[in-house]
Protein backbone atom coordinates (compact mmCIF):
# COMPACT_ATOMS: atom_id res chain seq x y z
CA MET A 1 9.45 133.18 203.73
CA MET A 2 7.71 130.39 205.60
CA SER A 3 7.56 132.17 208.98
CA LYS A 4 3.92 133.00 208.31
CA THR A 5 1.15 130.96 206.73
CA ILE A 6 1.17 131.17 202.94
CA TYR A 7 -2.06 130.37 201.15
CA ALA A 8 -2.83 128.63 197.87
CA TYR A 9 -5.97 128.07 195.80
CA PHE A 10 -6.78 124.36 195.71
CA ASN A 11 -10.01 122.35 195.31
CA LYS A 12 -11.95 125.56 194.67
CA GLU A 13 -10.97 127.28 197.92
CA ILE A 14 -8.12 129.19 199.50
CA VAL A 15 -6.22 126.92 201.88
CA PRO A 16 -2.81 126.91 203.59
CA LEU A 17 -0.14 125.99 201.05
CA ALA A 18 0.90 123.04 203.23
CA ASP A 19 -2.59 121.54 202.76
CA ALA A 20 -2.63 121.80 198.95
CA LYS A 21 -1.60 118.27 197.99
CA ILE A 22 -2.43 115.84 195.19
CA SER A 23 -2.47 112.03 195.20
CA ILE A 24 0.41 110.07 193.69
CA LEU A 25 -2.27 108.48 191.47
CA THR A 26 -3.03 111.81 189.80
CA HIS A 27 -2.86 111.51 186.01
CA ALA A 28 -0.89 114.78 185.65
CA PHE A 29 1.77 113.56 188.08
CA ASN A 30 2.23 110.30 186.20
CA TYR A 31 2.00 111.56 182.62
CA GLY A 32 2.80 115.29 182.67
CA THR A 33 -0.74 116.16 181.52
CA ALA A 34 -0.89 119.67 182.89
CA CYS A 35 -0.38 123.20 181.64
CA PHE A 36 0.70 126.20 183.63
CA GLU A 37 1.50 129.89 183.51
CA GLY A 38 4.07 132.02 185.28
CA ILE A 39 2.85 135.45 186.37
CA ARG A 40 4.95 138.03 188.16
CA GLY A 41 3.82 140.62 190.65
CA TYR A 42 6.01 143.68 191.21
CA TRP A 43 6.00 145.72 194.41
CA ASN A 44 6.14 149.50 194.05
CA PRO A 45 7.08 150.98 197.46
CA ASP A 46 6.25 154.53 196.34
CA HIS A 47 2.71 153.47 195.42
CA GLN A 48 2.52 150.93 198.27
CA GLN A 49 1.07 148.67 195.64
CA LEU A 50 1.71 145.22 194.19
CA TYR A 51 1.10 145.09 190.44
CA LEU A 52 0.34 141.81 188.64
CA PHE A 53 1.80 142.13 185.17
CA ARG A 54 -0.38 141.23 182.19
CA MET A 55 -2.36 138.75 184.25
CA LYS A 56 -5.31 138.62 181.85
CA GLU A 57 -3.06 137.79 178.88
CA HIS A 58 -1.51 134.92 180.84
CA TYR A 59 -4.93 133.39 181.52
CA GLU A 60 -5.95 133.88 177.91
CA ARG A 61 -2.87 131.93 176.88
CA MET A 62 -3.71 129.25 179.44
CA ALA A 63 -7.18 128.97 177.94
CA GLY A 64 -5.54 128.11 174.62
CA SER A 65 -3.29 125.54 176.28
CA THR A 66 -6.25 123.81 177.90
CA ARG A 67 -8.04 123.57 174.55
CA ILE A 68 -5.01 121.89 173.03
CA LEU A 69 -4.89 119.45 175.97
CA MET A 70 -8.66 118.79 175.81
CA MET A 71 -9.19 120.33 179.25
CA GLN A 72 -11.36 123.21 180.38
CA LEU A 73 -10.56 126.12 182.64
CA PRO A 74 -12.69 126.09 185.81
CA GLY A 75 -14.08 129.52 184.99
CA SER A 76 -13.76 132.51 182.70
CA VAL A 77 -10.54 134.48 182.37
CA ASP A 78 -12.09 137.30 184.41
CA GLU A 79 -13.11 134.87 187.16
CA LEU A 80 -9.59 133.47 187.35
CA CYS A 81 -8.19 137.01 187.57
CA THR A 82 -10.51 137.68 190.51
CA ILE A 83 -9.42 134.47 192.27
CA THR A 84 -5.79 135.42 191.69
CA ARG A 85 -6.13 138.88 193.18
CA GLU A 86 -7.97 137.47 196.20
CA LEU A 87 -5.23 134.90 196.83
CA VAL A 88 -2.36 137.37 196.52
CA LYS A 89 -4.18 139.84 198.75
CA ARG A 90 -4.70 137.09 201.33
CA ASN A 91 -0.95 136.46 201.41
CA GLU A 92 -0.31 140.16 202.13
CA PHE A 93 2.96 140.28 200.21
CA GLN A 94 4.79 143.60 200.02
CA GLU A 95 7.60 142.41 197.76
CA ASP A 96 8.03 140.96 194.28
CA VAL A 97 6.15 137.68 193.85
CA TYR A 98 5.75 134.84 191.38
CA LEU A 99 2.41 133.12 190.69
CA ARG A 100 2.00 129.63 189.28
CA PRO A 101 -1.53 128.77 188.07
CA THR A 102 -1.83 125.19 186.85
CA CYS A 103 -4.64 123.33 185.12
CA TYR A 104 -4.13 119.57 185.29
CA ILE A 105 -5.84 116.24 184.65
CA SER A 106 -6.87 115.23 188.14
CA SER A 107 -8.37 111.80 187.44
CA GLU A 108 -6.66 109.03 189.40
CA VAL A 109 -6.37 106.50 186.61
CA ILE A 110 -3.68 104.60 184.77
CA GLY A 111 -3.64 105.04 181.01
CA VAL A 112 -2.23 107.49 178.49
CA ARG A 113 -4.97 109.67 176.99
CA LEU A 114 -6.44 113.15 177.22
CA HIS A 115 -10.15 112.69 176.57
CA GLY A 116 -12.86 111.70 179.02
CA LEU A 117 -10.93 112.69 182.15
CA GLU A 118 -11.49 115.22 184.91
CA SER A 119 -9.36 118.32 185.29
CA ALA A 120 -8.68 120.71 188.14
CA PHE A 121 -7.07 124.09 188.78
CA CYS A 122 -4.66 125.24 191.45
CA LEU A 123 -2.64 128.37 192.11
CA TYR A 124 0.10 129.46 194.47
CA SER A 125 2.11 132.65 194.94
CA LEU A 126 5.50 133.07 196.57
CA PRO A 127 8.08 135.84 197.07
CA PHE A 128 10.47 135.67 194.12
CA GLY A 129 13.56 137.53 192.94
CA ASN A 130 15.60 137.01 189.79
CA TYR A 131 15.33 133.64 188.06
CA ILE A 132 18.76 134.17 186.52
CA ASP A 133 21.39 136.87 187.05
CA ILE A 134 20.33 139.80 184.88
CA ASP A 135 22.85 142.32 186.23
CA ARG A 136 25.67 140.92 184.11
CA GLY A 137 26.06 139.46 180.66
CA LEU A 138 25.34 135.73 180.55
CA LYS A 139 27.55 133.09 178.98
CA VAL A 140 25.39 130.80 176.85
CA GLY A 141 25.97 127.78 174.67
CA VAL A 142 24.04 126.24 171.79
CA SER A 143 22.55 123.01 173.11
CA SER A 144 22.95 119.58 171.59
CA TRP A 145 19.30 119.03 172.53
CA LYS A 146 16.87 120.15 169.81
CA ARG A 147 13.64 122.03 170.54
CA LEU A 148 10.51 119.92 170.43
CA ASP A 149 8.41 120.28 167.30
CA ASP A 150 4.80 121.45 167.30
CA ASN A 151 3.70 118.00 166.08
CA MET A 152 5.49 116.39 169.04
CA LEU A 153 4.77 118.66 171.99
CA PRO A 154 3.59 122.16 171.02
CA ALA A 155 5.72 124.89 172.60
CA ARG A 156 2.86 127.38 172.30
CA SER A 157 1.26 125.46 175.17
CA LYS A 158 3.07 125.54 178.50
CA ILE A 159 2.68 121.78 178.93
CA ALA A 160 4.29 120.49 182.12
CA GLY A 161 5.74 117.34 180.59
CA ALA A 162 7.34 119.28 177.73
CA TYR A 163 9.67 121.06 180.11
CA VAL A 164 11.83 117.96 180.41
CA ASN A 165 13.14 119.06 176.99
CA SER A 166 14.13 122.38 178.57
CA ALA A 167 15.62 120.62 181.61
CA PHE A 168 17.91 118.53 179.38
CA ALA A 169 19.22 121.68 177.72
CA LYS A 170 19.57 123.72 180.91
CA SER A 171 21.44 121.03 182.83
CA GLU A 172 23.74 120.41 179.88
CA ALA A 173 24.51 124.15 179.76
CA LEU A 174 25.18 124.48 183.48
CA LEU A 175 27.32 121.36 183.65
CA ASN A 176 29.35 122.66 180.71
CA GLY A 177 30.03 125.94 182.49
CA TYR A 178 27.40 128.11 180.77
CA ASP A 179 24.61 130.11 182.39
CA GLU A 180 21.94 129.18 179.87
CA ALA A 181 21.26 127.22 176.69
CA ILE A 182 20.17 128.27 173.21
CA MET A 183 18.03 125.63 171.51
CA LEU A 184 17.78 125.00 167.78
CA THR A 185 14.92 123.48 165.82
CA SER A 186 15.31 120.13 164.08
CA ASP A 187 16.06 122.17 160.92
CA GLY A 188 18.97 123.89 162.65
CA HIS A 189 17.45 127.34 163.09
CA VAL A 190 17.45 129.27 166.36
CA SER A 191 14.33 128.70 168.44
CA GLU A 192 14.74 130.09 171.98
CA GLY A 193 16.53 129.55 175.28
CA SER A 194 15.69 126.70 177.62
CA ALA A 195 12.74 128.73 178.93
CA GLU A 196 13.12 132.18 177.35
CA ASN A 197 12.49 133.89 174.04
CA LEU A 198 15.46 135.35 172.17
CA PHE A 199 16.23 138.69 170.51
CA MET A 200 19.34 139.84 168.69
CA LEU A 201 20.26 143.34 167.55
CA SER A 202 21.87 143.40 164.11
CA GLY A 203 22.13 146.24 161.59
CA GLY A 204 20.09 148.49 163.87
CA LYS A 205 17.14 146.09 163.80
CA LEU A 206 15.77 143.95 166.62
CA ILE A 207 15.38 140.44 165.23
CA THR A 208 13.56 137.48 166.77
CA PRO A 209 12.49 134.05 165.47
CA PRO A 210 8.85 133.73 164.33
CA VAL A 211 6.44 131.83 166.56
CA THR A 212 6.38 129.00 164.01
CA GLU A 213 9.93 128.07 165.10
CA ASN A 214 8.57 126.01 168.01
CA LEU A 215 8.79 128.72 170.62
CA LEU A 216 6.43 129.96 173.29
CA VAL A 217 4.31 132.89 172.13
CA GLY A 218 5.77 134.98 174.92
CA ILE A 219 3.92 137.74 176.72
CA THR A 220 7.22 139.32 177.72
CA ARG A 221 8.30 138.89 174.08
CA HIS A 222 5.28 140.91 172.96
CA THR A 223 5.99 143.52 175.63
CA ILE A 224 9.58 143.94 174.43
CA MET A 225 8.50 144.23 170.81
CA THR A 226 6.00 146.93 171.78
CA ILE A 227 8.32 149.12 173.82
CA ALA A 228 11.28 148.65 171.45
CA ARG A 229 9.14 149.91 168.59
CA ASP A 230 7.13 152.60 170.38
CA GLU A 231 9.73 153.94 172.82
CA LEU A 232 13.05 153.36 171.04
CA GLY A 233 11.88 153.51 167.43
CA LEU A 234 13.45 150.18 166.55
CA GLU A 235 12.34 148.13 163.58
CA ILE A 236 11.21 144.66 164.72
CA VAL A 237 11.86 141.76 162.36
CA GLU A 238 10.52 138.25 162.83
CA ARG A 239 12.47 135.81 160.66
CA LEU A 240 14.55 132.64 160.69
CA ILE A 241 17.91 133.04 162.44
CA ASP A 242 20.95 130.90 161.73
CA ARG A 243 23.24 129.85 164.59
CA THR A 244 26.25 131.78 163.31
CA GLU A 245 24.24 135.01 163.06
CA LEU A 246 24.24 135.02 166.84
CA TYR A 247 28.06 135.05 166.81
CA ILE A 248 28.21 138.29 164.81
CA SER A 249 25.21 140.08 166.36
CA ASP A 250 25.70 143.48 168.02
CA GLU A 251 23.61 142.59 171.06
CA LEU A 252 21.76 139.52 172.26
CA PHE A 253 19.33 138.95 175.09
CA LEU A 254 16.82 136.45 176.42
CA CYS A 255 13.45 137.37 177.88
CA GLY A 256 10.50 135.83 179.69
CA THR A 257 8.38 136.19 182.79
CA GLY A 258 11.00 134.36 184.84
CA ALA A 259 14.13 135.65 183.10
CA GLN A 260 12.72 139.17 182.56
CA ILE A 261 15.42 140.70 180.30
CA ALA A 262 18.69 138.78 180.52
CA PRO A 263 21.64 140.18 178.53
CA VAL A 264 24.01 137.76 176.78
CA ALA A 265 27.72 138.64 176.73
CA GLU A 266 29.14 135.45 175.26
CA ILE A 267 27.89 132.58 173.12
CA ASP A 268 29.87 129.42 172.41
CA HIS A 269 33.00 131.14 173.80
CA ARG A 270 32.59 134.09 171.41
CA PRO A 271 31.90 137.59 172.76
CA VAL A 272 28.67 139.26 171.71
CA GLY A 273 29.52 142.79 170.58
CA ASN A 274 32.12 144.08 173.01
CA GLY A 275 31.32 141.38 175.54
CA GLN A 276 29.38 143.77 177.79
CA ILE A 277 25.69 144.57 178.27
CA GLY A 278 24.69 146.49 175.14
CA PRO A 279 23.14 149.97 175.32
CA ILE A 280 19.86 148.93 173.70
CA THR A 281 19.51 145.95 176.05
CA ALA A 282 20.25 148.18 179.04
CA ARG A 283 17.66 150.73 177.91
CA LEU A 284 15.06 148.02 177.38
CA GLN A 285 15.78 146.64 180.86
CA GLN A 286 15.19 150.03 182.44
CA LEU A 287 12.00 150.65 180.49
CA TYR A 288 10.72 147.18 181.33
CA PHE A 289 11.23 147.50 185.07
CA ASP A 290 9.66 150.94 185.15
CA LEU A 291 6.72 149.59 183.18
CA VAL A 292 6.03 146.49 185.29
CA ARG A 293 6.10 148.52 188.53
CA GLY A 294 3.38 150.80 187.21
CA LYS A 295 5.65 153.81 186.71
CA ILE A 296 4.72 154.47 183.06
CA GLU A 297 1.15 155.67 182.75
CA LYS A 298 0.97 154.74 179.08
CA TYR A 299 1.22 151.04 179.96
CA ARG A 300 -0.59 151.08 183.31
CA GLU A 301 -3.43 148.97 181.89
CA TRP A 302 -1.02 146.03 181.84
CA CYS A 303 -0.53 146.33 185.61
CA THR A 304 -3.34 145.02 187.82
CA PRO A 305 -3.22 146.43 191.37
CA VAL A 306 -3.74 143.91 194.18
CA TYR A 307 -4.43 146.29 197.08
């Protein structure tokens, strides 16, 4: 991957990734005062094209995160989309990639606050495969770590410092022999995975927690809800989910930009359904990967071509 020069956007210009560095005095480094997005690009060899999936929606969500953190984006959403395409084109990737735009408080000061400080924007892109193994059913466990509340650290903002909460849950899961964690709210209801939204199939309906349950308002989540309804004719229900409902669900999967669609085969040592990847989950996986590679004309507007 590093045999050629890879470029990043830093200090308002495209520079070699190795030159994109911040000072150890940077406020965001010391206090976690940054927000970010994860954007995937999918290579379609038949089209000889790299498609950036729902890039505009990611920057619109970032704009909301910066308002919550009392920062400002360095330009409009359209301007950031243009910068992103130029950077990815400069890197000349012909494979799947992951993009990480970050807006952060760049002032080099000591002191915990958000107001009256300078902010900056940076972006890098790298070749990227699967974040977790999605070709088999995952074994997951309900975490002892509770999901942060909106009045503590709002999950609807992808705040860098908040991901320590996710790291606690993910490490606990891995060290306990699971692939991933399921996090509950302080009230004991299902929220999401360590860094993924959650869906369960029960009674022929696709059920997911509402966004008020301290979860990220996921772009992949919205995509799944759209194609499940429009392509498979499933009824989508957003409601509170109890922990034990997961144990008796017919199918269960996690989703997100990084995770994509990750089937769950076992939770807390109990098989989900027959313990295999469910047929609805498998169908959604196939639809999703066709969609993001620009193969379904109906959803092509979600796919921004780079070249």
